[in-house]
């Protein structure tokens, strides 16, 4: 069994830049596999718009460059931005990854947390030089949590998008409302509006496709969990109590969770209990997001999902993060039950 407590993941700038690709869960998605809900036309409209967006980028790259234009080294056209705004579970990440796969130039795919980590690790000047070589940047779960990342992202986009970097991003928050409830966004309204102005917003409506019923999936009971964990390959399985896992996460930056979980295919988290500390809760949310994106098999035991996050958290500034986490946990538990031997289901 893999022991996460023995791992101290480190990431070099070179490793970081080559790791920015869609994770296992999204490695097979394409525009052709997206199934828009016919009751919500905005889903098909978003897919069609992004298909045309990639086609336009491809056409621009294919334009012949004459000798005279080469000698003059014309400035590349300003990069375009597309912002997919919508609730969780409507397929925004599917569309984002499909955009990445459809584009054939220099590109990167990352979460917003990974972008912030890259800017911090590289420094702004180095990051601008490194990402200046890219033509397309796909950013999942764009959000502004504090004045520091607002300033960094505004500086980064302001330097690269005018010089040809195209950006497609997803978010659960309208661009003009970024930062609201997280910090005094009014003091940074100009920077927030500068960021928002770089994007064309596509609204993606619809219900959470992960909610197969009105009742969220519950954690596994001990006998069911024992059957699930016993079916895992020890070489790719790791298990920890929620309290031990939280202590370990204190030593690992969320942007390193992917490296930390390298080689893991199944994760068992036992005795998950209500989280009364928001720092603990948000670390847990980051872990669930990364495990989900990596396509890991994950099972939980403990308290009902609806009790894990305090009421004030589920209706506060990070409400959408918690709702997305619970939705993903429910889907992971459905998958865990489906993977059980038929005799134990």
Protein backbone atom coordinates (compact mmCIF):
# COMPACT_ATOMS: atom_id res chain seq x y z
CA UNK A 1 0.00 0.00 0.00
CA UNK A 2 1.23 3.50 -0.83
CA UNK A 3 2.08 5.56 2.26
CA UNK A 4 1.46 9.25 1.53
CA UNK A 5 3.19 10.28 4.77
CA UNK A 6 6.56 9.28 3.28
CA UNK A 7 6.15 11.52 0.27
CA UNK A 8 7.55 15.05 0.08
CA UNK A 9 6.71 16.09 -3.48
CA UNK A 10 8.75 18.81 -5.11
CA UNK A 11 8.11 20.33 -8.49
CA UNK A 12 10.74 21.99 -10.68
CA UNK A 13 9.70 24.76 -13.08
CA UNK A 14 10.45 22.42 -15.98
CA UNK A 15 8.28 19.65 -14.50
CA UNK A 16 5.53 22.17 -13.89
CA UNK A 17 5.40 23.45 -17.45
CA UNK A 18 5.29 19.95 -18.98
CA UNK A 19 2.57 18.79 -16.56
CA UNK A 20 -0.08 21.21 -17.80
CA UNK A 21 -2.28 18.75 -19.70
CA UNK A 22 -5.80 17.44 -19.01
CA UNK A 23 -5.91 14.81 -16.27
CA UNK A 24 -6.91 11.16 -16.66
CA UNK A 25 -10.61 11.80 -16.14
CA UNK A 26 -10.65 14.13 -19.16
CA UNK A 27 -8.10 12.46 -21.42
CA UNK A 28 -10.74 10.99 -23.75
CA UNK A 29 -13.17 13.90 -23.96
CA UNK A 30 -13.73 15.69 -27.25
CA UNK A 31 -16.33 18.07 -28.68
CA UNK A 32 -17.87 15.03 -30.39
CA UNK A 33 -18.41 13.26 -27.04
CA UNK A 34 -20.12 16.21 -25.36
CA UNK A 35 -23.81 15.49 -24.87
CA UNK A 36 -25.66 18.80 -24.44
CA UNK A 37 -28.94 18.75 -22.56
CA UNK A 38 -31.59 19.63 -25.17
CA UNK A 39 -33.61 21.44 -22.51
CA UNK A 40 -30.75 23.96 -22.16
CA UNK A 41 -29.71 25.30 -25.60
CA UNK A 42 -26.79 27.25 -24.10
CA UNK A 43 -24.87 23.98 -23.73
CA UNK A 44 -24.90 23.18 -27.46
CA UNK A 45 -24.29 26.86 -28.22
CA UNK A 46 -21.16 26.87 -26.03
CA UNK A 47 -19.83 23.73 -27.72
CA UNK A 48 -20.45 25.18 -31.18
CA UNK A 49 -18.89 28.52 -30.25
CA UNK A 50 -15.73 26.88 -28.92
CA UNK A 51 -15.50 24.67 -32.01
CA UNK A 52 -15.60 27.81 -34.16
CA UNK A 53 -13.12 29.50 -31.83
CA UNK A 54 -10.56 26.73 -32.35
CA UNK A 55 -11.25 26.76 -36.10
CA UNK A 56 -10.52 30.49 -36.19
CA UNK A 57 -7.24 29.99 -34.32
CA UNK A 58 -6.30 27.21 -36.72
CA UNK A 59 -7.09 29.40 -39.72
CA UNK A 60 -5.01 32.26 -38.32
CA UNK A 61 -2.03 29.93 -37.86
CA UNK A 62 -2.37 28.68 -41.44
CA UNK A 63 -2.27 32.14 -43.06
CA UNK A 64 0.73 32.41 -45.41
CA UNK A 65 3.52 34.69 -44.29
CA UNK A 66 5.28 36.49 -47.10
CA UNK A 67 8.90 37.55 -47.00
CA UNK A 68 8.02 41.20 -46.50
CA UNK A 69 5.75 40.45 -43.55
CA UNK A 70 8.46 38.19 -42.09
CA UNK A 71 11.07 40.91 -42.34
CA UNK A 72 8.76 43.40 -40.67
CA UNK A 73 8.00 40.85 -37.90
CA UNK A 74 4.43 42.02 -37.44
CA UNK A 75 3.06 41.93 -33.95
CA UNK A 76 0.79 38.90 -33.48
CA UNK A 77 -2.93 39.61 -33.25
CA UNK A 78 -4.17 40.22 -29.73
CA UNK A 79 -5.20 37.05 -27.96
CA UNK A 80 -8.88 36.33 -27.42
CA UNK A 81 -10.56 35.23 -24.22
CA UNK A 82 -13.59 32.99 -23.72
CA UNK A 83 -15.14 32.64 -20.26
CA UNK A 84 -17.49 29.70 -19.61
CA UNK A 85 -19.78 30.78 -16.80
CA UNK A 86 -22.18 28.30 -15.24
CA UNK A 87 -22.99 26.05 -12.33
CA UNK A 88 -21.08 22.88 -11.56
CA UNK A 89 -21.97 19.67 -13.34
CA UNK A 90 -22.96 21.21 -16.69
CA UNK A 91 -19.87 20.00 -18.59
CA UNK A 92 -17.71 23.13 -18.57
CA UNK A 93 -14.48 21.21 -17.90
CA UNK A 94 -15.41 18.73 -20.64
CA UNK A 95 -15.69 21.64 -23.06
CA UNK A 96 -12.46 23.19 -21.80
CA UNK A 97 -10.49 19.97 -22.26
CA UNK A 98 -12.11 19.47 -25.68
CA UNK A 99 -10.84 22.92 -26.68
CA UNK A 100 -7.33 21.95 -25.59
CA UNK A 101 -7.41 18.71 -27.59
CA UNK A 102 -8.82 20.38 -30.69
CA UNK A 103 -6.08 23.02 -30.83
CA UNK A 104 -2.79 21.89 -32.38
CA UNK A 105 -0.44 24.69 -31.33
CA UNK A 106 1.57 25.31 -28.17
CA UNK A 107 -0.90 25.01 -25.31
CA UNK A 108 -1.36 24.41 -21.59
CA UNK A 109 -4.25 23.15 -19.44
CA UNK A 110 -4.34 23.84 -15.71
CA UNK A 111 -6.50 24.70 -12.76
CA UNK A 112 -6.58 28.27 -11.51
CA UNK A 113 -4.75 27.12 -8.36
CA UNK A 114 -2.00 25.64 -10.53
CA UNK A 115 -1.67 28.91 -12.44
CA UNK A 116 -1.23 30.83 -9.18
CA UNK A 117 1.32 28.29 -7.99
CA UNK A 118 3.23 28.59 -11.28
CA UNK A 119 3.31 32.39 -11.00
CA UNK A 120 4.61 32.12 -7.44
CA UNK A 121 7.23 29.47 -8.27
CA UNK A 122 8.51 31.09 -11.45
CA UNK A 123 8.09 34.73 -10.51
CA UNK A 124 6.18 37.10 -12.76
CA UNK A 125 9.02 37.90 -15.17
CA UNK A 126 9.96 34.25 -15.70
CA UNK A 127 6.32 33.19 -15.95
CA UNK A 128 5.65 35.78 -18.66
CA UNK A 129 8.67 34.54 -20.61
CA UNK A 130 7.67 30.88 -20.25
CA UNK A 131 3.99 31.32 -21.07
CA UNK A 132 4.81 33.84 -23.79
CA UNK A 133 5.66 30.82 -25.95
CA UNK A 134 2.14 29.43 -25.62
CA UNK A 135 -0.72 30.17 -28.00
CA UNK A 136 -3.57 28.79 -25.88
CA UNK A 137 -4.05 28.62 -22.13
CA UNK A 138 -7.01 26.67 -20.70
CA UNK A 139 -7.75 27.51 -17.04
CA UNK A 140 -10.29 25.51 -15.04
CA UNK A 141 -12.23 26.98 -12.07
CA UNK A 142 -11.16 30.61 -12.41
CA UNK A 143 -11.75 32.53 -9.17
CA UNK A 144 -10.32 35.52 -7.33
CA UNK A 145 -9.93 34.77 -3.63
CA UNK A 146 -7.81 37.70 -2.45
CA UNK A 147 -6.20 40.97 -3.60
CA UNK A 148 -2.84 39.28 -4.17
CA UNK A 149 -4.00 36.81 -6.80
CA UNK A 150 -6.20 39.52 -8.36
CA UNK A 151 -3.14 41.68 -8.94
CA UNK A 152 -1.00 38.76 -10.17
CA UNK A 153 -3.57 37.49 -12.65
CA UNK A 154 -4.34 40.96 -13.98
CA UNK A 155 -0.62 41.63 -14.51
CA UNK A 156 -0.09 38.23 -16.15
CA UNK A 157 -3.03 38.45 -18.55
CA UNK A 158 -2.32 42.12 -19.26
CA UNK A 159 1.21 41.27 -20.37
CA UNK A 160 0.49 38.18 -22.48
CA UNK A 161 -2.96 38.45 -24.03
CA UNK A 162 -2.15 41.63 -26.02
CA UNK A 163 0.83 39.70 -27.44
CA UNK A 164 -1.16 36.77 -28.75
CA UNK A 165 -1.99 34.42 -25.86
CA UNK A 166 -5.55 33.08 -26.16
CA UNK A 167 -7.27 32.09 -22.92
CA UNK A 168 -10.32 29.89 -22.33
CA UNK A 169 -11.49 29.49 -18.77
CA UNK A 170 -14.34 28.07 -16.71
CA UNK A 171 -15.89 29.49 -13.56
CA UNK A 172 -18.92 29.27 -11.32
CA UNK A 173 -18.93 33.08 -11.01
CA UNK A 174 -19.76 35.74 -13.57
CA UNK A 175 -16.58 37.65 -14.52
CA UNK A 176 -17.85 40.97 -13.19
CA UNK A 177 -18.68 39.37 -9.82
CA UNK A 178 -15.26 37.81 -9.25
CA UNK A 179 -14.00 38.30 -5.71
CA UNK A 180 -17.36 39.22 -4.21
CA UNK A 181 -17.64 37.91 -0.67
CA UNK A 182 -13.98 36.87 -0.61
CA UNK A 183 -12.39 40.28 0.01
CA UNK A 184 -13.26 43.96 -0.40
CA UNK A 185 -13.67 43.61 -4.15
CA UNK A 186 -14.81 47.23 -4.51
CA UNK A 187 -11.24 48.36 -3.79
CA UNK A 188 -10.06 46.25 -6.72
CA UNK A 189 -12.97 46.92 -9.06
CA UNK A 190 -10.71 48.39 -11.75
CA UNK A 191 -8.45 45.34 -11.85
CA UNK A 192 -11.41 42.96 -11.76
CA UNK A 193 -13.05 44.82 -14.63
CA UNK A 194 -9.78 44.78 -16.58
CA UNK A 195 -9.68 41.00 -16.21
CA UNK A 196 -13.36 40.64 -17.14
CA UNK A 197 -12.99 42.88 -20.19
CA UNK A 198 -10.53 40.44 -21.77
CA UNK A 199 -13.16 37.72 -22.07
CA UNK A 200 -16.25 37.00 -24.06
CA UNK A 201 -18.67 35.34 -21.65
CA UNK A 202 -20.58 32.20 -22.61
CA UNK A 203 -23.29 31.21 -20.16
CA UNK A 204 -23.71 27.43 -19.78
CA UNK A 205 -27.00 26.63 -18.05
CA UNK A 206 -28.43 23.37 -16.77
CA UNK A 207 -28.71 21.06 -13.77
CA UNK A 208 -25.83 19.14 -12.24
CA UNK A 209 -25.61 15.98 -14.36
CA UNK A 210 -23.95 14.17 -11.45
CA UNK A 211 -27.11 14.31 -9.34
CA UNK A 212 -28.83 11.15 -10.48
CA UNK A 213 -31.42 11.50 -7.75
CA UNK A 214 -32.59 14.08 -5.25
CA UNK A 215 -30.74 12.19 -2.48
CA UNK A 216 -26.92 12.49 -2.52
CA UNK A 217 -24.98 9.25 -2.29
CA UNK A 218 -23.93 8.42 1.28
CA UNK A 219 -20.52 7.27 2.57
CA UNK A 220 -19.83 3.54 2.54
CA UNK A 221 -20.61 1.60 5.68
CA UNK A 222 -17.68 -0.35 7.23
CA UNK A 223 -18.46 -3.76 5.64
CA UNK A 224 -18.99 -2.23 2.19
CA UNK A 225 -15.81 -0.17 2.53
CA UNK A 226 -13.88 -3.27 3.59
CA UNK A 227 -15.09 -5.06 0.44
CA UNK A 228 -14.15 -2.07 -1.73
CA UNK A 229 -10.69 -1.57 -0.20
CA UNK A 230 -10.00 -5.31 -0.25
CA UNK A 231 -10.54 -5.34 -4.01
CA UNK A 232 -7.85 -2.68 -4.61
CA UNK A 233 -4.32 -3.38 -5.82
CA UNK A 234 -1.99 -2.60 -2.86
CA UNK A 235 0.63 -1.27 -5.29
CA UNK A 236 -1.67 1.58 -6.35
CA UNK A 237 -3.88 1.98 -3.28
CA UNK A 238 -3.54 4.45 -0.41
CA UNK A 239 -5.71 4.78 2.67
CA UNK A 240 -5.86 7.28 5.50
CA UNK A 241 -8.24 8.56 8.12
CA UNK A 242 -9.60 12.03 7.38
CA UNK A 243 -7.82 13.50 10.43
CA UNK A 244 -4.44 12.00 9.44
CA UNK A 245 -4.96 13.13 5.86
CA UNK A 246 -5.60 16.69 6.99
CA UNK A 247 -2.34 16.72 8.95
CA UNK A 248 -0.48 15.49 5.88
CA UNK A 249 -2.11 18.11 3.67
CA UNK A 250 -0.69 20.83 5.93
CA UNK A 251 2.75 19.93 4.52
CA UNK A 252 1.80 19.82 0.82
CA UNK A 253 0.75 22.80 -1.30
CA UNK A 254 -2.53 22.08 -3.15
CA UNK A 255 -0.77 22.62 -6.48
CA UNK A 256 1.48 19.67 -5.58
CA UNK A 257 -1.39 17.29 -4.86
CA UNK A 258 -1.06 15.79 -8.34
CA UNK A 259 2.61 14.96 -7.72
CA UNK A 260 1.77 13.75 -4.21
CA UNK A 261 -0.82 11.31 -5.60
CA UNK A 262 1.39 10.13 -8.48
CA UNK A 263 0.94 6.41 -9.06
CA UNK A 264 -2.19 6.25 -6.92
CA UNK A 265 -5.25 4.76 -8.59
CA UNK A 266 -7.48 4.31 -5.54
CA UNK A 267 -7.83 6.47 -2.42
CA UNK A 268 -9.69 5.46 0.72
CA UNK A 269 -10.58 8.12 3.29
CA UNK A 270 -12.05 6.80 6.52
CA UNK A 271 -14.05 8.50 9.27
CA UNK A 272 -14.75 11.78 7.50
CA UNK A 273 -16.38 14.06 10.07
CA UNK A 274 -17.94 17.57 10.04
CA UNK A 275 -15.24 20.21 9.47
CA UNK A 276 -15.62 23.23 11.71
CA UNK A 277 -12.42 24.92 10.56
CA UNK A 278 -12.67 26.55 7.14
CA UNK A 279 -8.96 26.00 6.44
CA UNK A 280 -9.44 22.27 6.99
CA UNK A 281 -12.57 22.27 4.86
CA UNK A 282 -10.93 24.07 1.92
CA UNK A 283 -7.91 21.75 1.98
CA UNK A 284 -10.29 18.81 1.82
CA UNK A 285 -12.13 20.45 -1.11
CA UNK A 286 -8.83 20.83 -3.00
CA UNK A 287 -8.02 17.17 -2.41
CA UNK A 288 -11.41 15.98 -3.66
CA UNK A 289 -11.08 18.22 -6.73
CA UNK A 290 -7.66 16.80 -7.57
CA UNK A 291 -8.64 13.17 -6.92
CA UNK A 292 -11.73 13.67 -9.11
CA UNK A 293 -9.76 15.31 -11.92
CA UNK A 294 -7.12 12.56 -11.80
CA UNK A 295 -9.83 9.97 -12.27
CA UNK A 296 -8.98 8.11 -9.07
CA UNK A 297 -11.29 5.57 -7.51
CA UNK A 298 -12.23 7.14 -4.17
CA UNK A 299 -14.35 5.91 -1.27
CA UNK A 300 -15.27 7.55 2.03
CA UNK A 301 -16.65 6.39 5.34
CA UNK A 302 -18.03 8.59 8.11
CA UNK A 303 -20.68 11.25 8.48
CA UNK A 304 -23.38 11.99 5.86
CA UNK A 305 -22.16 14.32 3.12
CA UNK A 306 -24.66 17.05 3.99
CA UNK A 307 -23.12 17.44 7.46
CA UNK A 308 -19.46 17.77 6.45
CA UNK A 309 -19.39 21.52 5.90
CA UNK A 310 -20.89 23.99 8.34
CA UNK A 311 -24.04 25.80 7.26
CA UNK A 312 -22.29 29.18 7.20
CA UNK A 313 -19.62 27.75 4.88
CA UNK A 314 -22.13 26.20 2.46
CA UNK A 315 -23.89 29.55 2.12
CA UNK A 316 -20.86 31.82 2.43
CA UNK A 317 -18.18 33.14 0.10
CA UNK A 318 -17.02 29.66 -0.93
CA UNK A 319 -20.50 28.16 -1.26
CA UNK A 320 -19.93 27.03 -4.86
CA UNK A 321 -16.67 25.28 -3.97
CA UNK A 322 -18.41 23.27 -1.25
CA UNK A 323 -21.40 22.46 -3.45
CA UNK A 324 -19.11 21.25 -6.24
CA UNK A 325 -17.14 19.14 -3.74
CA UNK A 326 -20.27 17.44 -2.41
CA UNK A 327 -21.47 16.79 -5.96
CA UNK A 328 -18.15 15.20 -6.88
CA UNK A 329 -18.01 13.15 -3.67
CA UNK A 330 -21.47 11.82 -4.45
CA UNK A 331 -20.37 10.77 -7.94
CA UNK A 332 -17.20 9.15 -6.61
CA UNK A 333 -19.27 7.15 -4.14
CA UNK A 334 -21.60 6.01 -6.94
CA UNK A 335 -18.53 4.85 -8.87
CA UNK A 336 -17.15 3.08 -5.79
CA UNK A 337 -20.37 1.14 -5.32
CA UNK A 338 -20.51 0.25 -9.00
CA UNK A 339 -16.97 -1.17 -8.74
CA UNK A 340 -17.89 -3.53 -5.89
CA UNK A 341 -18.12 -7.25 -6.54
CA UNK A 342 -21.75 -8.06 -7.37
CA UNK A 343 -22.08 -10.17 -4.23
CA UNK A 344 -21.43 -7.17 -1.98
CA UNK A 345 -23.45 -4.43 -3.69
